[in-house]
């Protein structure tokens, strides 16, 4: 009966799956796929929660303002390490993304399936739910990110066969061994893509006495970053502010240097993977030995990170198809089979 009612109500609402990430938020809709992918950034008037540009300075527009705003404007990332750091601004951001994804008004508010880090507390889970309800959701379901990533990567997570997913996002890396629709063993570490960027910022400051911003660090990571030696090493011109004379300056940086800068956060992720493997029951371990590890999330796009993880674990490692969208695609799979998959969802008060 509930299923029939839900299907009937679904005709009058546009239900969504959301990957509410520290760095980026993705929205997916049944039958349409990914309809929105924008930075989790909001530009507000300093000392207030008033969003600039008539409430439109969210996502792409707000990210262009990072590090470039005048004194009266602040570009804020309301999520830190996968959890809400600013309740009010997160609500504003979610409302903007929901409205933008809907494109037109629907009779009923949407139901949302939101992916959240597996390591967050019940209080933090409740904060996500409250923000989503206040932002305009009719009903909210939470799913752990590694389960959503596994579903988006087409892993047989409901079968008795063990699968391992490593989702390297912006604020957290979610590692899980999945079997029979649940998590057999897991690790959640607050080291991920943002830490890659910060490592580059610190390296440029220490080695070149050059101060660069988050967006420049991200460009360096994407352009010449790697986890292992490249067949042909790369070089990039980097511009920033000289910390001695406090004037703009540029310098050339080699991919070997950026690789050294990224080594520490990569090792933290590898250590967490090994910890999850050590906690895995023997029968499931044999499945992982055969099937290997699947990487998802933006961090999976770092050159040769799959090779380094494979060397360190002595297991086959592959990158999921379109790893950036794996979690969001997984949330839509939940919407498609909500009654069947409801036991996999997180309860909240």
C-alpha atoms as a PDB file:
ATOM      1  CA  UNK A   1       0.000   0.000   0.000  1.00  0.00           C
ATOM      2  CA  UNK A   2       2.804   2.405   0.949  1.00  0.00           C
ATOM      3  CA  UNK A   3       4.591   1.562  -2.293  1.00  0.00           C
ATOM      4  CA  UNK A   4       1.466   2.390  -4.361  1.00  0.00           C
ATOM      5  CA  UNK A   5       1.011   5.680  -2.521  1.00  0.00           C
ATOM      6  CA  UNK A   6       4.696   6.583  -3.009  1.00  0.00           C
ATOM      7  CA  UNK A   7       4.469   5.853  -6.740  1.00  0.00           C
ATOM      8  CA  UNK A   8       1.304   7.948  -7.028  1.00  0.00           C
ATOM      9  CA  UNK A   9       2.872  10.891  -5.162  1.00  0.00           C
ATOM     10  CA  UNK A  10       5.984  10.496  -7.318  1.00  0.00           C
ATOM     11  CA  UNK A  11       3.938  11.589 -10.333  1.00  0.00           C
ATOM     12  CA  UNK A  12       3.662  15.038  -8.768  1.00  0.00           C
ATOM     13  CA  UNK A  13       7.233  15.501  -7.557  1.00  0.00           C
ATOM     14  CA  UNK A  14      10.748  15.265  -8.972  1.00  0.00           C
ATOM     15  CA  UNK A  15      12.666  13.019  -6.584  1.00  0.00           C
ATOM     16  CA  UNK A  16      16.438  13.439  -6.473  1.00  0.00           C
ATOM     17  CA  UNK A  17      19.629  11.753  -5.401  1.00  0.00           C
ATOM     18  CA  UNK A  18      22.289  14.083  -4.007  1.00  0.00           C
ATOM     19  CA  UNK A  19      26.002  13.634  -3.450  1.00  0.00           C
ATOM     20  CA  UNK A  20      26.476  16.382  -0.871  1.00  0.00           C
ATOM     21  CA  UNK A  21      30.239  16.721  -1.065  1.00  0.00           C
ATOM     22  CA  UNK A  22      32.769  18.942   0.652  1.00  0.00           C
ATOM     23  CA  UNK A  23      34.121  20.163  -2.687  1.00  0.00           C
ATOM     24  CA  UNK A  24      31.233  19.543  -5.099  1.00  0.00           C
ATOM     25  CA  UNK A  25      27.527  18.756  -4.958  1.00  0.00           C
ATOM     26  CA  UNK A  26      25.965  16.540  -7.621  1.00  0.00           C
ATOM     27  CA  UNK A  27      22.254  16.059  -8.199  1.00  0.00           C
ATOM     28  CA  UNK A  28      20.828  13.123 -10.142  1.00  0.00           C
ATOM     29  CA  UNK A  29      17.224  12.485 -11.209  1.00  0.00           C
ATOM     30  CA  UNK A  30      15.516   9.231 -12.151  1.00  0.00           C
ATOM     31  CA  UNK A  31      15.610   8.727 -15.911  1.00  0.00           C
ATOM     32  CA  UNK A  32      17.756  11.826 -16.462  1.00  0.00           C
ATOM     33  CA  UNK A  33      21.068  11.014 -14.780  1.00  0.00           C
ATOM     34  CA  UNK A  34      23.290  13.806 -13.472  1.00  0.00           C
ATOM     35  CA  UNK A  35      21.498  17.128 -13.929  1.00  0.00           C
ATOM     36  CA  UNK A  36      23.707  19.339 -11.762  1.00  0.00           C
ATOM     37  CA  UNK A  37      27.361  19.302 -10.705  1.00  0.00           C
ATOM     38  CA  UNK A  38      28.621  22.452  -9.013  1.00  0.00           C
ATOM     39  CA  UNK A  39      31.106  23.437  -6.302  1.00  0.00           C
ATOM     40  CA  UNK A  40      29.800  23.402  -2.716  1.00  0.00           C
ATOM     41  CA  UNK A  41      30.505  27.111  -2.315  1.00  0.00           C
ATOM     42  CA  UNK A  42      28.307  30.088  -1.364  1.00  0.00           C
ATOM     43  CA  UNK A  43      29.288  33.775  -1.518  1.00  0.00           C
ATOM     44  CA  UNK A  44      27.743  35.807   1.299  1.00  0.00           C
ATOM     45  CA  UNK A  45      27.921  39.301   2.686  1.00  0.00           C
ATOM     46  CA  UNK A  46      30.520  39.311   5.470  1.00  0.00           C
ATOM     47  CA  UNK A  47      29.066  38.758   8.933  1.00  0.00           C
ATOM     48  CA  UNK A  48      25.690  37.611   7.540  1.00  0.00           C
ATOM     49  CA  UNK A  49      24.061  34.716   5.700  1.00  0.00           C
ATOM     50  CA  UNK A  50      22.876  36.990   2.889  1.00  0.00           C
ATOM     51  CA  UNK A  51      23.828  35.405  -0.430  1.00  0.00           C
ATOM     52  CA  UNK A  52      25.261  37.837  -2.955  1.00  0.00           C
ATOM     53  CA  UNK A  53      23.925  38.578  -6.457  1.00  0.00           C
ATOM     54  CA  UNK A  54      20.260  38.276  -5.419  1.00  0.00           C
ATOM     55  CA  UNK A  55      20.797  34.824  -3.953  1.00  0.00           C
ATOM     56  CA  UNK A  56      22.470  33.468  -7.092  1.00  0.00           C
ATOM     57  CA  UNK A  57      26.103  33.453  -5.869  1.00  0.00           C
ATOM     58  CA  UNK A  58      26.122  29.705  -5.250  1.00  0.00           C
ATOM     59  CA  UNK A  59      28.109  26.912  -6.896  1.00  0.00           C
ATOM     60  CA  UNK A  60      30.022  27.826 -10.054  1.00  0.00           C
ATOM     61  CA  UNK A  61      29.589  31.588  -9.638  1.00  0.00           C
ATOM     62  CA  UNK A  62      30.636  31.492  -5.983  1.00  0.00           C
ATOM     63  CA  UNK A  63      33.740  29.385  -6.698  1.00  0.00           C
ATOM     64  CA  UNK A  64      35.057  32.001  -9.108  1.00  0.00           C
ATOM     65  CA  UNK A  65      35.038  34.364  -6.126  1.00  0.00           C
ATOM     66  CA  UNK A  66      37.230  32.167  -3.880  1.00  0.00           C
ATOM     67  CA  UNK A  67      40.282  34.193  -2.883  1.00  0.00           C
ATOM     68  CA  UNK A  68      39.134  37.156  -4.984  1.00  0.00           C
ATOM     69  CA  UNK A  69      36.367  38.774  -2.950  1.00  0.00           C
ATOM     70  CA  UNK A  70      36.442  42.329  -1.566  1.00  0.00           C
ATOM     71  CA  UNK A  71      36.373  42.775   2.205  1.00  0.00           C
ATOM     72  CA  UNK A  72      32.576  42.829   2.428  1.00  0.00           C
ATOM     73  CA  UNK A  73      32.084  39.462   0.625  1.00  0.00           C
ATOM     74  CA  UNK A  74      33.125  36.012   1.844  1.00  0.00           C
ATOM     75  CA  UNK A  75      33.121  32.850  -0.306  1.00  0.00           C
ATOM     76  CA  UNK A  76      32.187  30.045   2.098  1.00  0.00           C
ATOM     77  CA  UNK A  77      32.421  26.282   1.812  1.00  0.00           C
ATOM     78  CA  UNK A  78      29.717  25.236   4.315  1.00  0.00           C
ATOM     79  CA  UNK A  79      30.844  21.607   4.547  1.00  0.00           C
ATOM     80  CA  UNK A  80      34.145  20.536   6.082  1.00  0.00           C
ATOM     81  CA  UNK A  81      35.380  16.957   5.800  1.00  0.00           C
ATOM     82  CA  UNK A  82      31.979  15.809   4.608  1.00  0.00           C
ATOM     83  CA  UNK A  83      29.969  17.296   7.483  1.00  0.00           C
ATOM     84  CA  UNK A  84      28.014  20.521   7.880  1.00  0.00           C
ATOM     85  CA  UNK A  85      30.106  23.324   9.329  1.00  0.00           C
ATOM     86  CA  UNK A  86      27.527  26.057   8.687  1.00  0.00           C
ATOM     87  CA  UNK A  87      23.917  24.923   9.040  1.00  0.00           C
ATOM     88  CA  UNK A  88      22.233  28.027   7.617  1.00  0.00           C
ATOM     89  CA  UNK A  89      24.455  28.369   4.545  1.00  0.00           C
ATOM     90  CA  UNK A  90      24.169  24.637   3.782  1.00  0.00           C
ATOM     91  CA  UNK A  91      20.392  25.012   3.820  1.00  0.00           C
ATOM     92  CA  UNK A  92      20.625  27.967   1.443  1.00  0.00           C
ATOM     93  CA  UNK A  93      22.930  26.040  -0.881  1.00  0.00           C
ATOM     94  CA  UNK A  94      20.697  22.964  -0.927  1.00  0.00           C
ATOM     95  CA  UNK A  95      17.594  25.061  -1.623  1.00  0.00           C
ATOM     96  CA  UNK A  96      19.364  26.720  -4.566  1.00  0.00           C
ATOM     97  CA  UNK A  97      20.529  23.386  -6.034  1.00  0.00           C
ATOM     98  CA  UNK A  98      17.112  21.738  -5.597  1.00  0.00           C
ATOM     99  CA  UNK A  99      15.379  24.654  -7.311  1.00  0.00           C
ATOM    100  CA  UNK A 100      17.920  24.720 -10.135  1.00  0.00           C
ATOM    101  CA  UNK A 101      17.676  20.954 -10.723  1.00  0.00           C
ATOM    102  CA  UNK A 102      13.853  21.038 -10.804  1.00  0.00           C
ATOM    103  CA  UNK A 103      13.795  23.775 -13.489  1.00  0.00           C
ATOM    104  CA  UNK A 104      10.045  24.223 -12.961  1.00  0.00           C
ATOM    105  CA  UNK A 105       7.603  24.090 -10.068  1.00  0.00           C
ATOM    106  CA  UNK A 106       6.130  20.741  -9.076  1.00  0.00           C
ATOM    107  CA  UNK A 107       2.974  20.120  -7.091  1.00  0.00           C
ATOM    108  CA  UNK A 108       4.794  18.287  -4.292  1.00  0.00           C
ATOM    109  CA  UNK A 109       8.171  18.756  -2.681  1.00  0.00           C
ATOM    110  CA  UNK A 110      10.771  16.162  -3.745  1.00  0.00           C
ATOM    111  CA  UNK A 111      12.008  13.149  -1.843  1.00  0.00           C
ATOM    112  CA  UNK A 112      15.795  13.176  -1.483  1.00  0.00           C
ATOM    113  CA  UNK A 113      18.346  10.400  -1.106  1.00  0.00           C
ATOM    114  CA  UNK A 114      21.525  12.013   0.212  1.00  0.00           C
ATOM    115  CA  UNK A 115      24.908  10.293   0.431  1.00  0.00           C
ATOM    116  CA  UNK A 116      26.889  11.110   3.579  1.00  0.00           C
ATOM    117  CA  UNK A 117      30.263   9.922   4.955  1.00  0.00           C
ATOM    118  CA  UNK A 118      30.107   6.662   6.896  1.00  0.00           C
ATOM    119  CA  UNK A 119      32.121   8.155   9.751  1.00  0.00           C
ATOM    120  CA  UNK A 120      29.744  10.964  10.718  1.00  0.00           C
ATOM    121  CA  UNK A 121      27.869  10.986  14.024  1.00  0.00           C
ATOM    122  CA  UNK A 122      24.122  10.710  14.579  1.00  0.00           C
ATOM    123  CA  UNK A 123      24.042  14.425  15.395  1.00  0.00           C
ATOM    124  CA  UNK A 124      25.768  15.230  12.095  1.00  0.00           C
ATOM    125  CA  UNK A 125      23.348  12.952  10.230  1.00  0.00           C
ATOM    126  CA  UNK A 126      20.422  14.771  11.804  1.00  0.00           C
ATOM    127  CA  UNK A 127      21.930  18.102  10.728  1.00  0.00           C
ATOM    128  CA  UNK A 128      21.922  16.928   7.094  1.00  0.00           C
ATOM    129  CA  UNK A 129      18.306  15.800   7.351  1.00  0.00           C
ATOM    130  CA  UNK A 130      17.172  19.036   9.000  1.00  0.00           C
ATOM    131  CA  UNK A 131      18.959  21.134   6.383  1.00  0.00           C
ATOM    132  CA  UNK A 132      17.379  19.173   3.535  1.00  0.00           C
ATOM    133  CA  UNK A 133      13.868  19.360   5.014  1.00  0.00           C
ATOM    134  CA  UNK A 134      14.187  23.101   5.607  1.00  0.00           C
ATOM    135  CA  UNK A 135      15.544  23.504   2.074  1.00  0.00           C
ATOM    136  CA  UNK A 136      12.332  22.064   0.632  1.00  0.00           C
ATOM    137  CA  UNK A 137      12.423  18.251   0.745  1.00  0.00           C
ATOM    138  CA  UNK A 138       9.261  16.236   1.436  1.00  0.00           C
ATOM    139  CA  UNK A 139      11.181  13.271   2.794  1.00  0.00           C
ATOM    140  CA  UNK A 140      14.893  12.564   3.273  1.00  0.00           C
ATOM    141  CA  UNK A 141      16.787   9.282   3.161  1.00  0.00           C
ATOM    142  CA  UNK A 142      20.477   8.967   4.030  1.00  0.00           C
ATOM    143  CA  UNK A 143      22.844   6.423   2.531  1.00  0.00           C
ATOM    144  CA  UNK A 144      26.486   5.890   3.393  1.00  0.00           C
ATOM    145  CA  UNK A 145      28.787   7.176   0.653  1.00  0.00           C
ATOM    146  CA  UNK A 146      30.714   3.932   0.079  1.00  0.00           C
ATOM    147  CA  UNK A 147      27.461   2.001  -0.455  1.00  0.00           C
ATOM    148  CA  UNK A 148      26.239   4.635  -2.926  1.00  0.00           C
ATOM    149  CA  UNK A 149      29.638   4.629  -4.659  1.00  0.00           C
ATOM    150  CA  UNK A 150      29.550   0.832  -4.911  1.00  0.00           C
ATOM    151  CA  UNK A 151      26.089   0.954  -6.465  1.00  0.00           C
ATOM    152  CA  UNK A 152      27.155   3.693  -8.875  1.00  0.00           C
ATOM    153  CA  UNK A 153      30.202   1.628  -9.857  1.00  0.00           C
ATOM    154  CA  UNK A 154      27.941  -1.372 -10.611  1.00  0.00           C
ATOM    155  CA  UNK A 155      29.410  -3.559  -7.874  1.00  0.00           C
ATOM    156  CA  UNK A 156      27.256  -6.542  -6.812  1.00  0.00           C
ATOM    157  CA  UNK A 157      26.809  -5.158  -3.328  1.00  0.00           C
ATOM    158  CA  UNK A 158      23.633  -7.134  -2.523  1.00  0.00           C
ATOM    159  CA  UNK A 159      25.197 -10.476  -3.443  1.00  0.00           C
ATOM    160  CA  UNK A 160      27.179 -12.693  -1.027  1.00  0.00           C
ATOM    161  CA  UNK A 161      30.326 -11.838  -2.990  1.00  0.00           C
ATOM    162  CA  UNK A 162      32.626  -9.306  -1.317  1.00  0.00           C
ATOM    163  CA  UNK A 163      33.536  -6.054  -3.115  1.00  0.00           C
ATOM    164  CA  UNK A 164      35.847  -3.250  -2.030  1.00  0.00           C
ATOM    165  CA  UNK A 165      35.252   0.416  -2.878  1.00  0.00           C
ATOM    166  CA  UNK A 166      37.540   3.360  -2.127  1.00  0.00           C
ATOM    167  CA  UNK A 167      35.795   6.707  -2.657  1.00  0.00           C
ATOM    168  CA  UNK A 168      38.336   9.565  -2.562  1.00  0.00           C
ATOM    169  CA  UNK A 169      36.236  12.715  -2.334  1.00  0.00           C
ATOM    170  CA  UNK A 170      37.050  16.307  -1.472  1.00  0.00           C
ATOM    171  CA  UNK A 171      36.916  16.139   2.322  1.00  0.00           C
ATOM    172  CA  UNK A 172      36.900  12.427   3.165  1.00  0.00           C
ATOM    173  CA  UNK A 173      38.057   9.109   1.791  1.00  0.00           C
ATOM    174  CA  UNK A 174      35.462   6.396   2.314  1.00  0.00           C
ATOM    175  CA  UNK A 175      36.728   2.809   2.249  1.00  0.00           C
ATOM    176  CA  UNK A 176      34.398  -0.156   2.568  1.00  0.00           C
ATOM    177  CA  UNK A 177      34.156  -3.872   1.931  1.00  0.00           C
ATOM    178  CA  UNK A 178      30.573  -4.560   0.838  1.00  0.00           C
ATOM    179  CA  UNK A 179      28.574  -7.778   0.854  1.00  0.00           C
ATOM    180  CA  UNK A 180      24.891  -8.739   1.138  1.00  0.00           C
ATOM    181  CA  UNK A 181      23.788  -5.105   1.002  1.00  0.00           C
ATOM    182  CA  UNK A 182      25.880  -3.951   3.930  1.00  0.00           C
ATOM    183  CA  UNK A 183      29.351  -2.919   5.050  1.00  0.00           C
ATOM    184  CA  UNK A 184      31.554  -5.776   6.279  1.00  0.00           C
ATOM    185  CA  UNK A 185      34.490  -3.561   7.240  1.00  0.00           C
ATOM    186  CA  UNK A 186      35.204   0.108   6.658  1.00  0.00           C
ATOM    187  CA  UNK A 187      37.410   3.090   7.295  1.00  0.00           C
ATOM    188  CA  UNK A 188      36.591   6.780   6.916  1.00  0.00           C
ATOM    189  CA  UNK A 189      39.522   9.205   6.986  1.00  0.00           C
ATOM    190  CA  UNK A 190      39.386  12.976   6.699  1.00  0.00           C
ATOM    191  CA  UNK A 191      42.193  13.015   4.155  1.00  0.00           C
ATOM    192  CA  UNK A 192      41.190  13.465   0.518  1.00  0.00           C
ATOM    193  CA  UNK A 193      41.292  15.875  -2.431  1.00  0.00           C
ATOM    194  CA  UNK A 194      41.341  19.028  -0.304  1.00  0.00           C
ATOM    195  CA  UNK A 195      44.403  17.682   1.494  1.00  0.00           C
ATOM    196  CA  UNK A 196      46.093  17.104  -1.873  1.00  0.00           C
ATOM    197  CA  UNK A 197      45.498  20.779  -2.660  1.00  0.00           C
ATOM    198  CA  UNK A 198      46.707  21.923   0.751  1.00  0.00           C
ATOM    199  CA  UNK A 199      49.860  19.817   0.415  1.00  0.00           C
ATOM    200  CA  UNK A 200      50.630  21.632  -2.853  1.00  0.00           C
ATOM    201  CA  UNK A 201      49.993  25.029  -1.235  1.00  0.00           C
ATOM    202  CA  UNK A 202      52.376  24.193   1.612  1.00  0.00           C
ATOM    203  CA  UNK A 203      55.029  22.862  -0.771  1.00  0.00           C
ATOM    204  CA  UNK A 204      54.964  26.034  -2.889  1.00  0.00           C
ATOM    205  CA  UNK A 205      55.220  28.141   0.253  1.00  0.00           C
ATOM    206  CA  UNK A 206      58.098  26.147   1.736  1.00  0.00           C
ATOM    207  CA  UNK A 207      60.103  25.480  -1.436  1.00  0.00           C
ATOM    208  CA  UNK A 208      59.490  28.580  -3.543  1.00  0.00           C
ATOM    209  CA  UNK A 209      58.375  31.091  -0.922  1.00  0.00           C
ATOM    210  CA  UNK A 210      55.334  31.540  -3.150  1.00  0.00           C
ATOM    211  CA  UNK A 211      51.797  31.864  -1.808  1.00  0.00           C
ATOM    212  CA  UNK A 212      49.106  30.349  -4.027  1.00  0.00           C
ATOM    213  CA  UNK A 213      45.363  29.921  -3.524  1.00  0.00           C
ATOM    214  CA  UNK A 214      43.103  26.861  -3.461  1.00  0.00           C
ATOM    215  CA  UNK A 215      42.057  27.185  -7.096  1.00  0.00           C
ATOM    216  CA  UNK A 216      45.661  27.439  -8.288  1.00  0.00           C
ATOM    217  CA  UNK A 217      46.605  24.377  -6.229  1.00  0.00           C
ATOM    218  CA  UNK A 218      43.715  22.441  -7.749  1.00  0.00           C
ATOM    219  CA  UNK A 219      44.824  23.426 -11.267  1.00  0.00           C
ATOM    220  CA  UNK A 220      48.363  22.238 -10.506  1.00  0.00           C
ATOM    221  CA  UNK A 221      47.040  18.924  -9.184  1.00  0.00           C
ATOM    222  CA  UNK A 222      44.964  18.330 -12.309  1.00  0.00           C
ATOM    223  CA  UNK A 223      47.627  19.521 -14.753  1.00  0.00           C
ATOM    224  CA  UNK A 224      50.789  17.831 -13.476  1.00  0.00           C
ATOM    225  CA  UNK A 225      49.895  15.903 -10.294  1.00  0.00           C
ATOM    226  CA  UNK A 226      50.638  12.171 -10.059  1.00  0.00           C
ATOM    227  CA  UNK A 227      51.130   9.429  -7.487  1.00  0.00           C
ATOM    228  CA  UNK A 228      53.938   7.625  -9.364  1.00  0.00           C
ATOM    229  CA  UNK A 229      56.557   8.545 -12.000  1.00  0.00           C
ATOM    230  CA  UNK A 230      55.166   9.496 -15.404  1.00  0.00           C
ATOM    231  CA  UNK A 231      56.387   8.221 -18.752  1.00  0.00           C
ATOM    232  CA  UNK A 232      57.072  11.850 -19.628  1.00  0.00           C
ATOM    233  CA  UNK A 233      57.351  14.247 -16.694  1.00  0.00           C
ATOM    234  CA  UNK A 234      55.453  17.540 -16.935  1.00  0.00           C
ATOM    235  CA  UNK A 235      56.169  21.179 -16.132  1.00  0.00           C
ATOM    236  CA  UNK A 236      53.813  24.066 -15.384  1.00  0.00           C
ATOM    237  CA  UNK A 237      54.133  27.795 -14.896  1.00  0.00           C
ATOM    238  CA  UNK A 238      52.671  28.834 -11.544  1.00  0.00           C
ATOM    239  CA  UNK A 239      51.796  32.367 -10.482  1.00  0.00           C
ATOM    240  CA  UNK A 240      51.382  33.603  -6.934  1.00  0.00           C
ATOM    241  CA  UNK A 241      52.615  36.144  -4.408  1.00  0.00           C
ATOM    242  CA  UNK A 242      56.225  36.263  -3.289  1.00  0.00           C
ATOM    243  CA  UNK A 243      56.237  36.053   0.508  1.00  0.00           C
ATOM    244  CA  UNK A 244      59.427  38.088   0.826  1.00  0.00           C
ATOM    245  CA  UNK A 245      58.721  41.113  -1.336  1.00  0.00           C
ATOM    246  CA  UNK A 246      54.906  40.608  -1.239  1.00  0.00           C
ATOM    247  CA  UNK A 247      54.630  41.139  -4.997  1.00  0.00           C
ATOM    248  CA  UNK A 248      53.273  38.873  -7.778  1.00  0.00           C
ATOM    249  CA  UNK A 249      55.776  36.354  -9.148  1.00  0.00           C
ATOM    250  CA  UNK A 250      55.794  33.255 -11.346  1.00  0.00           C
ATOM    251  CA  UNK A 251      57.903  30.119 -11.377  1.00  0.00           C
ATOM    252  CA  UNK A 252      58.071  26.784 -13.172  1.00  0.00           C
ATOM    253  CA  UNK A 253      57.152  23.661 -11.205  1.00  0.00           C
ATOM    254  CA  UNK A 254      57.864  20.055 -12.220  1.00  0.00           C
ATOM    255  CA  UNK A 255      55.548  17.079 -11.812  1.00  0.00           C
ATOM    256  CA  UNK A 256      58.224  15.264  -9.755  1.00  0.00           C
ATOM    257  CA  UNK A 257      57.987  18.003  -7.128  1.00  0.00           C
ATOM    258  CA  UNK A 258      54.193  17.839  -6.917  1.00  0.00           C
ATOM    259  CA  UNK A 259      54.407  14.057  -6.614  1.00  0.00           C
ATOM    260  CA  UNK A 260      56.664  14.454  -3.584  1.00  0.00           C
ATOM    261  CA  UNK A 261      54.219  16.962  -2.075  1.00  0.00           C
ATOM    262  CA  UNK A 262      51.308  14.534  -2.511  1.00  0.00           C
ATOM    263  CA  UNK A 263      53.116  11.510  -1.067  1.00  0.00           C
ATOM    264  CA  UNK A 264      52.089  12.098   2.569  1.00  0.00           C
ATOM    265  CA  UNK A 265      48.291  12.329   2.106  1.00  0.00           C
ATOM    266  CA  UNK A 266      48.380   9.406  -0.337  1.00  0.00           C
ATOM    267  CA  UNK A 267      50.127   7.265   2.273  1.00  0.00           C
ATOM    268  CA  UNK A 268      47.421   8.114   4.834  1.00  0.00           C
ATOM    269  CA  UNK A 269      44.784   6.818   2.405  1.00  0.00           C
ATOM    270  CA  UNK A 270      46.792   3.658   1.693  1.00  0.00           C
ATOM    271  CA  UNK A 271      47.194   3.000   5.420  1.00  0.00           C
ATOM    272  CA  UNK A 272      43.419   3.288   5.854  1.00  0.00           C
ATOM    273  CA  UNK A 273      42.855   0.830   2.983  1.00  0.00           C
ATOM    274  CA  UNK A 274      45.182  -1.677   4.639  1.00  0.00           C
ATOM    275  CA  UNK A 275      43.368  -1.239   7.960  1.00  0.00           C
ATOM    276  CA  UNK A 276      40.010  -2.021   6.312  1.00  0.00           C
ATOM    277  CA  UNK A 277      41.539  -5.080   4.642  1.00  0.00           C
ATOM    278  CA  UNK A 278      42.953  -6.309   7.958  1.00  0.00           C
ATOM    279  CA  UNK A 279      39.449  -6.194   9.479  1.00  0.00           C
ATOM    280  CA  UNK A 280      37.873  -8.144   6.612  1.00  0.00           C
ATOM    281  CA  UNK A 281      36.803 -11.765   7.344  1.00  0.00           C
ATOM    282  CA  UNK A 282      38.875 -14.421   5.509  1.00  0.00           C
ATOM    283  CA  UNK A 283      36.063 -15.606   3.205  1.00  0.00           C
ATOM    284  CA  UNK A 284      35.388 -12.077   2.032  1.00  0.00           C
ATOM    285  CA  UNK A 285      39.129 -11.410   1.734  1.00  0.00           C
ATOM    286  CA  UNK A 286      39.370 -14.175  -0.847  1.00  0.00           C
ATOM    287  CA  UNK A 287      36.707 -12.371  -2.921  1.00  0.00           C
ATOM    288  CA  UNK A 288      38.667  -9.122  -2.710  1.00  0.00           C
ATOM    289  CA  UNK A 289      41.815 -10.973  -3.799  1.00  0.00           C
ATOM    290  CA  UNK A 290      39.971 -12.148  -6.909  1.00  0.00           C
ATOM    291  CA  UNK A 291      37.952  -9.011  -7.653  1.00  0.00           C
ATOM    292  CA  UNK A 292      40.363  -6.340  -6.448  1.00  0.00           C
ATOM    293  CA  UNK A 293      39.648  -2.753  -5.368  1.00  0.00           C
ATOM    294  CA  UNK A 294      37.521  -0.187  -7.213  1.00  0.00           C
ATOM    295  CA  UNK A 295      38.326   3.521  -6.926  1.00  0.00           C
ATOM    296  CA  UNK A 296      35.706   6.274  -7.142  1.00  0.00           C
ATOM    297  CA  UNK A 297      35.528  10.000  -6.423  1.00  0.00           C
ATOM    298  CA  UNK A 298      37.533  12.894  -7.840  1.00  0.00           C
ATOM    299  CA  UNK A 299      40.724  11.689  -6.152  1.00  0.00           C
ATOM    300  CA  UNK A 300      40.631   8.559  -8.317  1.00  0.00           C
ATOM    301  CA  UNK A 301      41.517  10.794 -11.282  1.00  0.00           C
ATOM    302  CA  UNK A 302      44.966  11.580  -9.881  1.00  0.00           C
ATOM    303  CA  UNK A 303      47.418  10.064 -12.335  1.00  0.00           C
ATOM    304  CA  UNK A 304      48.658   6.586 -11.388  1.00  0.00           C
ATOM    305  CA  UNK A 305      47.051   6.506  -7.949  1.00  0.00           C
ATOM    306  CA  UNK A 306      45.548   3.139  -8.898  1.00  0.00           C
ATOM    307  CA  UNK A 307      49.024   1.770  -9.632  1.00  0.00           C
ATOM    308  CA  UNK A 308      50.424   2.939  -6.296  1.00  0.00           C
ATOM    309  CA  UNK A 309      47.533   1.434  -4.326  1.00  0.00           C
ATOM    310  CA  UNK A 310      47.929  -1.823  -6.274  1.00  0.00           C
ATOM    311  CA  UNK A 311      51.658  -1.979  -5.500  1.00  0.00           C
ATOM    312  CA  UNK A 312      51.105  -1.259  -1.808  1.00  0.00           C
ATOM    313  CA  UNK A 313      48.282  -3.802  -1.339  1.00  0.00           C
ATOM    314  CA  UNK A 314      49.339  -6.415  -3.899  1.00  0.00           C
ATOM    315  CA  UNK A 315      45.780  -6.396  -5.232  1.00  0.00           C
ATOM    316  CA  UNK A 316      44.319  -5.491  -8.624  1.00  0.00           C
ATOM    317  CA  UNK A 317      42.923  -1.940  -8.646  1.00  0.00           C
ATOM    318  CA  UNK A 318      40.682  -0.344 -11.240  1.00  0.00           C
ATOM    319  CA  UNK A 319      39.012   3.049 -11.548  1.00  0.00           C
ATOM    320  CA  UNK A 320      35.213   3.100 -11.817  1.00  0.00           C
ATOM    321  CA  UNK A 321      33.641   4.437 -14.985  1.00  0.00           C
ATOM    322  CA  UNK A 322      33.139   8.185 -14.514  1.00  0.00           C
ATOM    323  CA  UNK A 323      34.370   8.065 -10.892  1.00  0.00           C
ATOM    324  CA  UNK A 324      33.291  11.647 -10.163  1.00  0.00           C
ATOM    325  CA  UNK A 325      29.610  10.764 -10.523  1.00  0.00           C
ATOM    326  CA  UNK A 326      29.593   7.267  -8.992  1.00  0.00           C
ATOM    327  CA  UNK A 327      28.077   8.336  -5.650  1.00  0.00           C
ATOM    328  CA  UNK A 328      25.358  10.470  -7.258  1.00  0.00           C
ATOM    329  CA  UNK A 329      24.452   7.671  -9.672  1.00  0.00           C
ATOM    330  CA  UNK A 330      24.243   5.316  -6.719  1.00  0.00           C
ATOM    331  CA  UNK A 331      21.717   7.549  -4.948  1.00  0.00           C
ATOM    332  CA  UNK A 332      19.429   7.353  -7.979  1.00  0.00           C
ATOM    333  CA  UNK A 333      19.694   3.561  -7.918  1.00  0.00           C
ATOM    334  CA  UNK A 334      18.333   3.769  -4.364  1.00  0.00           C
ATOM    335  CA  UNK A 335      15.382   5.852  -5.565  1.00  0.00           C
ATOM    336  CA  UNK A 336      14.670   3.279  -8.272  1.00  0.00           C
ATOM    337  CA  UNK A 337      14.513   0.445  -5.716  1.00  0.00           C
ATOM    338  CA  UNK A 338      13.610   2.304  -2.539  1.00  0.00           C
ATOM    339  CA  UNK A 339      11.412  -0.413  -1.022  1.00  0.00           C
ATOM    340  CA  UNK A 340      13.967  -3.158  -1.676  1.00  0.00           C
ATOM    341  CA  UNK A 341      16.973  -1.133  -0.547  1.00  0.00           C
ATOM    342  CA  UNK A 342      15.386   0.645   2.432  1.00  0.00           C
ATOM    343  CA  UNK A 343      17.199  -1.659   4.936  1.00  0.00           C
ATOM    344  CA  UNK A 344      20.505  -0.267   3.622  1.00  0.00           C
ATOM    345  CA  UNK A 345      19.546   3.307   4.469  1.00  0.00           C
ATOM    346  CA  UNK A 346      20.529   5.084   7.656  1.00  0.00           C
ATOM    347  CA  UNK A 347      17.841   5.729  10.231  1.00  0.00           C
ATOM    348  CA  UNK A 348      17.573   9.104  11.899  1.00  0.00           C
ATOM    349  CA  UNK A 349      15.448  10.477  14.662  1.00  0.00           C
END
